[in-house]
Amino acid sequence: MKIKAVPRDELPESMNYKQALQWFNIGSYNTLYDFIAEGLPVTVIGNVKRISKTNAQKFWDEHTK
């Protein structure tokens, strides 16, 4: 799947999964699901799932070697 590149500052604070793919610059939902399994926090309200940019940055920083 080809995801259009969007500058991180143009993405909302609460991102849906497609926007999170753009934030992480990945093209696979499977990779995003792997990140979630590794501890990336997801806010779930009813059927709505969101990932905050703040949590995405924390996750990225914690997994940077």
N, C-alpha and C. Protein backbone atom coordinates (compact mmCIF):
# COMPACT_ATOMS: atom_id res chain seq x y z
N MET A 1 0.84 -1.17 0.00
CA MET A 1 0.00 0.00 0.00
C MET A 1 0.89 1.24 0.00
N LYS A 2 0.60 2.19 -0.87
CA LYS A 2 1.36 3.43 -0.95
C LYS A 2 0.67 4.48 -0.09
N ILE A 3 1.37 4.98 0.92
CA ILE A 3 0.85 6.00 1.81
C ILE A 3 1.48 7.33 1.42
N LYS A 4 0.64 8.35 1.21
CA LYS A 4 1.13 9.67 0.84
C LYS A 4 1.88 10.30 2.01
N ALA A 5 3.05 10.82 1.72
CA ALA A 5 3.85 11.47 2.76
C ALA A 5 3.21 12.79 3.15
N VAL A 6 3.07 12.99 4.45
CA VAL A 6 2.51 14.22 5.01
C VAL A 6 3.46 14.68 6.11
N PRO A 7 3.80 15.98 6.14
CA PRO A 7 4.65 16.45 7.24
C PRO A 7 4.00 16.15 8.59
N ARG A 8 4.83 15.71 9.54
CA ARG A 8 4.32 15.32 10.86
C ARG A 8 3.52 16.44 11.53
N ASP A 9 3.92 17.69 11.33
CA ASP A 9 3.22 18.79 12.00
C ASP A 9 1.84 19.05 11.41
N GLU A 10 1.53 18.46 10.26
CA GLU A 10 0.20 18.61 9.67
C GLU A 10 -0.77 17.52 10.12
N LEU A 11 -0.27 16.51 10.81
CA LEU A 11 -1.14 15.45 11.31
C LEU A 11 -1.78 15.89 12.63
N PRO A 12 -3.00 15.44 12.92
CA PRO A 12 -3.66 15.82 14.18
C PRO A 12 -3.00 15.14 15.37
N GLU A 13 -3.23 15.69 16.57
CA GLU A 13 -2.67 15.09 17.79
C GLU A 13 -3.18 13.67 17.99
N SER A 14 -4.46 13.45 17.73
CA SER A 14 -5.05 12.11 17.83
C SER A 14 -5.20 11.55 16.43
N MET A 15 -4.31 10.63 16.07
CA MET A 15 -4.25 10.10 14.71
C MET A 15 -5.02 8.79 14.58
N ASN A 16 -5.69 8.61 13.44
CA ASN A 16 -6.23 7.29 13.14
C ASN A 16 -5.09 6.42 12.63
N TYR A 17 -5.36 5.17 12.35
CA TYR A 17 -4.29 4.26 11.96
C TYR A 17 -3.60 4.70 10.66
N LYS A 18 -4.35 5.19 9.72
CA LYS A 18 -3.76 5.61 8.45
C LYS A 18 -2.80 6.78 8.68
N GLN A 19 -3.21 7.71 9.53
CA GLN A 19 -2.34 8.85 9.84
C GLN A 19 -1.12 8.39 10.63
N ALA A 20 -1.28 7.40 11.50
CA ALA A 20 -0.14 6.86 12.24
C ALA A 20 0.87 6.21 11.28
N LEU A 21 0.38 5.55 10.24
CA LEU A 21 1.30 5.02 9.23
C LEU A 21 2.14 6.13 8.64
N GLN A 22 1.50 7.27 8.36
CA GLN A 22 2.22 8.41 7.80
C GLN A 22 3.22 8.96 8.82
N TRP A 23 2.82 9.07 10.08
CA TRP A 23 3.70 9.61 11.11
C TRP A 23 4.96 8.75 11.24
N PHE A 24 4.78 7.41 11.28
CA PHE A 24 5.91 6.50 11.41
C PHE A 24 6.64 6.28 10.08
N ASN A 25 6.06 6.78 8.99
CA ASN A 25 6.62 6.59 7.65
C ASN A 25 6.77 5.11 7.31
N ILE A 26 5.69 4.37 7.58
CA ILE A 26 5.65 2.94 7.25
C ILE A 26 4.48 2.70 6.30
N GLY A 27 4.53 1.65 5.54
CA GLY A 27 3.51 1.39 4.55
C GLY A 27 2.65 0.18 4.84
N SER A 28 2.80 -0.41 6.03
CA SER A 28 2.09 -1.64 6.32
C SER A 28 1.34 -1.55 7.64
N TYR A 29 0.05 -1.87 7.57
CA TYR A 29 -0.73 -1.94 8.80
C TYR A 29 -0.17 -3.03 9.72
N ASN A 30 0.38 -4.10 9.14
CA ASN A 30 0.95 -5.17 9.96
C ASN A 30 2.09 -4.66 10.84
N THR A 31 2.90 -3.77 10.29
CA THR A 31 3.98 -3.18 11.08
C THR A 31 3.41 -2.33 12.20
N LEU A 32 2.36 -1.57 11.92
CA LEU A 32 1.71 -0.76 12.96
C LEU A 32 1.15 -1.68 14.04
N TYR A 33 0.53 -2.78 13.65
CA TYR A 33 0.00 -3.73 14.64
C TYR A 33 1.14 -4.32 15.48
N ASP A 34 2.31 -4.54 14.87
CA ASP A 34 3.48 -5.00 15.62
C ASP A 34 3.90 -3.96 16.65
N PHE A 35 3.89 -2.68 16.26
CA PHE A 35 4.22 -1.60 17.20
C PHE A 35 3.24 -1.61 18.37
N ILE A 36 1.97 -1.79 18.07
CA ILE A 36 0.94 -1.82 19.12
C ILE A 36 1.19 -3.01 20.04
N ALA A 37 1.53 -4.15 19.48
CA ALA A 37 1.83 -5.33 20.29
C ALA A 37 3.07 -5.10 21.16
N GLU A 38 3.99 -4.25 20.69
CA GLU A 38 5.21 -3.94 21.44
C GLU A 38 4.98 -2.87 22.50
N GLY A 39 3.76 -2.30 22.55
CA GLY A 39 3.46 -1.34 23.61
C GLY A 39 3.02 0.04 23.18
N LEU A 40 2.88 0.29 21.88
CA LEU A 40 2.37 1.58 21.43
C LEU A 40 0.94 1.75 21.93
N PRO A 41 0.68 2.77 22.76
CA PRO A 41 -0.67 2.93 23.32
C PRO A 41 -1.70 3.35 22.28
N VAL A 42 -2.88 2.77 22.39
CA VAL A 42 -4.01 3.10 21.52
C VAL A 42 -5.19 3.47 22.42
N THR A 43 -5.82 4.60 22.13
CA THR A 43 -7.02 4.99 22.84
C THR A 43 -8.22 4.44 22.07
N VAL A 44 -9.08 3.69 22.76
CA VAL A 44 -10.25 3.08 22.13
C VAL A 44 -11.49 3.61 22.83
N ILE A 45 -12.37 4.23 22.06
CA ILE A 45 -13.66 4.69 22.56
C ILE A 45 -14.70 4.17 21.58
N GLY A 46 -15.47 3.17 22.02
CA GLY A 46 -16.40 2.51 21.11
C GLY A 46 -15.63 1.84 20.00
N ASN A 47 -15.96 2.18 18.76
CA ASN A 47 -15.26 1.62 17.60
C ASN A 47 -14.14 2.52 17.10
N VAL A 48 -13.89 3.61 17.79
CA VAL A 48 -12.88 4.58 17.37
C VAL A 48 -11.55 4.26 18.05
N LYS A 49 -10.50 4.17 17.23
CA LYS A 49 -9.15 3.89 17.74
C LYS A 49 -8.24 5.03 17.29
N ARG A 50 -7.52 5.59 18.27
CA ARG A 50 -6.62 6.70 17.97
C ARG A 50 -5.29 6.51 18.66
N ILE A 51 -4.24 7.03 18.03
CA ILE A 51 -2.88 7.02 18.57
C ILE A 51 -2.45 8.47 18.66
N SER A 52 -2.03 8.89 19.86
CA SER A 52 -1.61 10.28 20.00
C SER A 52 -0.18 10.45 19.48
N LYS A 53 0.08 11.63 18.93
CA LYS A 53 1.43 11.91 18.45
C LYS A 53 2.42 11.90 19.61
N THR A 54 1.97 12.35 20.78
CA THR A 54 2.84 12.35 21.96
C THR A 54 3.25 10.92 22.31
N ASN A 55 2.28 10.00 22.33
CA ASN A 55 2.60 8.60 22.63
C ASN A 55 3.43 7.96 21.53
N ALA A 56 3.18 8.34 20.28
CA ALA A 56 3.97 7.82 19.17
C ALA A 56 5.43 8.24 19.33
N GLN A 57 5.66 9.51 19.70
CA GLN A 57 7.03 10.00 19.88
C GLN A 57 7.71 9.30 21.05
N LYS A 58 6.99 9.13 22.16
CA LYS A 58 7.55 8.42 23.31
C LYS A 58 7.93 6.99 22.93
N PHE A 59 7.02 6.31 22.22
CA PHE A 59 7.29 4.93 21.79
C PHE A 59 8.54 4.90 20.91
N TRP A 60 8.63 5.82 19.97
CA TRP A 60 9.76 5.87 19.05
C TRP A 60 11.06 6.11 19.81
N ASP A 61 11.03 7.07 20.75
CA ASP A 61 12.22 7.37 21.54
C ASP A 61 12.66 6.18 22.39
N GLU A 62 11.70 5.48 22.98
CA GLU A 62 12.01 4.32 23.82
C GLU A 62 12.60 3.16 23.03
N HIS A 63 12.30 3.10 21.73
CA HIS A 63 12.77 1.99 20.92
C HIS A 63 13.93 2.38 20.00
N THR A 64 14.45 3.58 20.19
CA THR A 64 15.61 4.02 19.42
C THR A 64 16.87 3.59 20.15
N LYS A 65 17.74 2.89 19.44
CA LYS A 65 18.98 2.39 20.05
C LYS A 65 20.11 3.33 19.80
